[in-house]
């Protein structure tokens, strides 16, 4: 089974969260799109009164095109669930997200839900976080100043040769999030203490949000070659 087939299978398995009267957060990215498309089809097929909160303009555009009942996080500050993808997850249900650049809004929506469901293919499961670069959204004011503070914190924590880069778009210009901020991607290879690193980064002036989702995800639905596996945090 290909990675895309695994993602699609996981997305379809998560449709059990789409029920009448529920409010569900819609993540951003290719995996989340599979869920958005499948959820729209289920709502139409079963004539459900389900509301959805998109986490980006891209997701909003797709959901609107599919005729979904959309509300904002201001209109629905407490959600029943959020279904989103991830870039990595470990056995403690710690995630790295933000490859698509929507980490700030994704975290706001996910943390406003009763629980977060992560859907993914088997390649996203890792023993130790860090192979995927950690996205850090920073203020557009003082990017270079924030960058050297982050580097100083990393060195203090024992990361001797951190690889940091400001994300660029397809045109080679700095990538800007929907909140108007750049993203610094940090490639560490292996993250020894995600909680400690997250704390240091979030206490760095200029940092808006990190791609760590710690203590937020309660369920991982993962497509594998042998079928869909549902993992639940103890």
Foldseek 3Di string as FASTA:
>chain_A
DDFLVFLLQLLLVVLVQLAAPFEEEQEDDDSSLSNLVNNLVVCVVVVGNYEYEYLAPVSVVSNVVSVGHYDYCVVVVAGAEYEYEFQAAEPQRKTFHQPVPSQVSVLSVLQRHPAYEYEGAPVRYDHFDFQFWKKWWFAPPPPVVLVVQLVVVCVVVPQPDKDKDWDADPVRHGDAHPVGTTIITIHRPGDDDVVVSQVSSVPRPGTDHIRIDHPRHAWYWYGYPVGIDIDGRD
